[in-house]
Structures are given as C-alpha cells and as structure tokens.
Amino acid sequence: ILERGIQVDGLGLKSFTTYESNVLFALRFMIDCNIVGGNWIEVPPGRYRRSVRCMTYCQLEVHCL
C-alpha cells in the first residue's frame, strides 16, 4: 500500500517510500542482531530443534523456536 499508493479523500493518491525496503529481511535481521556471515551464534538449550530434512550442506541445521 505504501509504495503503490492509497486513495485518501481530499488528498488524492498518496504513496510513500518505505524505510530500507531495498534491504532483504534476512540481511536486516543479521545487521540488527550484529551477526556477520560465517559467524558463530549461540542458541539456548530447549530453544531449537534439529532439522528432520536438511536443506543445505551445513554441518548442523536447526530450527529456532
């Protein structure tokens, strides 16, 4: 709605540029959490489960809860 625009009575069609909409969600998450590519992350016990069907060639693949 923001980028395509919305019809506002008395103001006509209004559209807006969204903040950092050109940054991919996964990249924005990594930036916000101070995670760099190839970095170690720590997930507390009980807050993840191992993947049943792996989708990558990573040594360990988990789903965070």
C-alpha atoms as a PDB file:
ATOM      1  CA  ILE A   1       0.000   0.000   0.000  1.00  0.00           C
ATOM      2  CA  LEU A   2       2.756   2.444   0.887  1.00  0.00           C
ATOM      3  CA  GLU A   3       4.635   2.063  -2.395  1.00  0.00           C
ATOM      4  CA  ARG A   4       1.641   1.547  -4.725  1.00  0.00           C
ATOM      5  CA  GLY A   5      -0.281   4.353  -3.084  1.00  0.00           C
ATOM      6  CA  ILE A   6      -3.616   4.743  -1.379  1.00  0.00           C
ATOM      7  CA  GLN A   7      -6.526   6.985  -2.274  1.00  0.00           C
ATOM      8  CA  VAL A   8      -7.128   9.492   0.531  1.00  0.00           C
ATOM      9  CA  ASP A   9     -10.316  11.567   0.443  1.00  0.00           C
ATOM     10  CA  GLY A  10      -9.462  15.181  -0.201  1.00  0.00           C
ATOM     11  CA  LEU A  11      -5.768  14.448  -0.816  1.00  0.00           C
ATOM     12  CA  GLY A  12      -5.838  12.155  -3.848  1.00  0.00           C
ATOM     13  CA  LEU A  13      -3.444   9.259  -4.394  1.00  0.00           C
ATOM     14  CA  LYS A  14      -0.635   9.230  -1.830  1.00  0.00           C
ATOM     15  CA  SER A  15       2.409   6.960  -1.994  1.00  0.00           C
ATOM     16  CA  PHE A  16       5.470   6.775   0.229  1.00  0.00           C
ATOM     17  CA  THR A  17       8.970   5.339   0.129  1.00  0.00           C
ATOM     18  CA  THR A  18       9.409   2.653   2.778  1.00  0.00           C
ATOM     19  CA  TYR A  19      12.435   2.736   5.086  1.00  0.00           C
ATOM     20  CA  GLU A  20      15.190   0.340   3.930  1.00  0.00           C
ATOM     21  CA  SER A  21      12.778  -1.607   1.722  1.00  0.00           C
ATOM     22  CA  ASN A  22      15.692  -2.451  -0.569  1.00  0.00           C
ATOM     23  CA  VAL A  23      17.396  -4.491   2.210  1.00  0.00           C
ATOM     24  CA  LEU A  24      16.497  -8.192   2.318  1.00  0.00           C
ATOM     25  CA  PHE A  25      14.771  -9.369   5.500  1.00  0.00           C
ATOM     26  CA  ALA A  26      17.481 -11.915   6.372  1.00  0.00           C
ATOM     27  CA  LEU A  27      20.209  -9.311   5.917  1.00  0.00           C
ATOM     28  CA  ARG A  28      18.294  -6.757   8.032  1.00  0.00           C
ATOM     29  CA  PHE A  29      17.962  -9.401  10.800  1.00  0.00           C
ATOM     30  CA  MET A  30      21.712 -10.112  10.694  1.00  0.00           C
ATOM     31  CA  ILE A  31      22.533  -6.405  10.858  1.00  0.00           C
ATOM     32  CA  ASP A  32      20.128  -5.771  13.747  1.00  0.00           C
ATOM     33  CA  CYS A  33      21.480  -8.760  15.724  1.00  0.00           C
ATOM     34  CA  ASN A  34      25.153  -7.998  14.953  1.00  0.00           C
ATOM     35  CA  ILE A  35      25.638 -11.322  13.141  1.00  0.00           C
ATOM     36  CA  VAL A  36      28.240 -11.428  10.377  1.00  0.00           C
ATOM     37  CA  GLY A  37      28.437 -14.081   7.678  1.00  0.00           C
ATOM     38  CA  GLY A  38      30.199 -17.230   8.865  1.00  0.00           C
ATOM     39  CA  ASN A  39      29.915 -16.133  12.495  1.00  0.00           C
ATOM     40  CA  TRP A  40      29.078 -18.348  15.472  1.00  0.00           C
ATOM     41  CA  ILE A  41      25.713 -17.892  17.107  1.00  0.00           C
ATOM     42  CA  GLU A  42      24.534 -19.322  20.412  1.00  0.00           C
ATOM     43  CA  VAL A  43      21.030 -20.743  20.834  1.00  0.00           C
ATOM     44  CA  PRO A  44      19.947 -21.604  24.401  1.00  0.00           C
ATOM     45  CA  PRO A  45      19.050 -25.233  25.208  1.00  0.00           C
ATOM     46  CA  GLY A  46      15.414 -26.036  24.508  1.00  0.00           C
ATOM     47  CA  ARG A  47      15.077 -23.114  22.074  1.00  0.00           C
ATOM     48  CA  TYR A  48      15.804 -25.123  18.906  1.00  0.00           C
ATOM     49  CA  ARG A  49      15.179 -28.473  17.271  1.00  0.00           C
ATOM     50  CA  ARG A  50      17.272 -30.306  14.718  1.00  0.00           C
ATOM     51  CA  SER A  51      16.010 -30.279  11.158  1.00  0.00           C
ATOM     52  CA  VAL A  52      14.452 -33.522  10.005  1.00  0.00           C
ATOM     53  CA  ARG A  53      15.190 -32.850   6.345  1.00  0.00           C
ATOM     54  CA  CYS A  54      18.301 -30.761   5.736  1.00  0.00           C
ATOM     55  CA  MET A  55      18.148 -28.135   3.004  1.00  0.00           C
ATOM     56  CA  THR A  56      21.842 -27.143   2.977  1.00  0.00           C
ATOM     57  CA  TYR A  57      25.286 -28.705   3.254  1.00  0.00           C
ATOM     58  CA  CYS A  58      25.855 -27.210   6.724  1.00  0.00           C
ATOM     59  CA  GLN A  59      27.277 -29.463   9.417  1.00  0.00           C
ATOM     60  CA  LEU A  60      24.326 -28.674  11.697  1.00  0.00           C
ATOM     61  CA  GLU A  61      20.915 -27.411  10.645  1.00  0.00           C
ATOM     62  CA  VAL A  62      18.312 -26.423  13.247  1.00  0.00           C
ATOM     63  CA  HIS A  63      15.019 -24.557  13.574  1.00  0.00           C
ATOM     64  CA  CYS A  64      14.914 -21.910  16.298  1.00  0.00           C
ATOM     65  CA  LEU A  65      11.752 -21.873  18.387  1.00  0.00           C
END
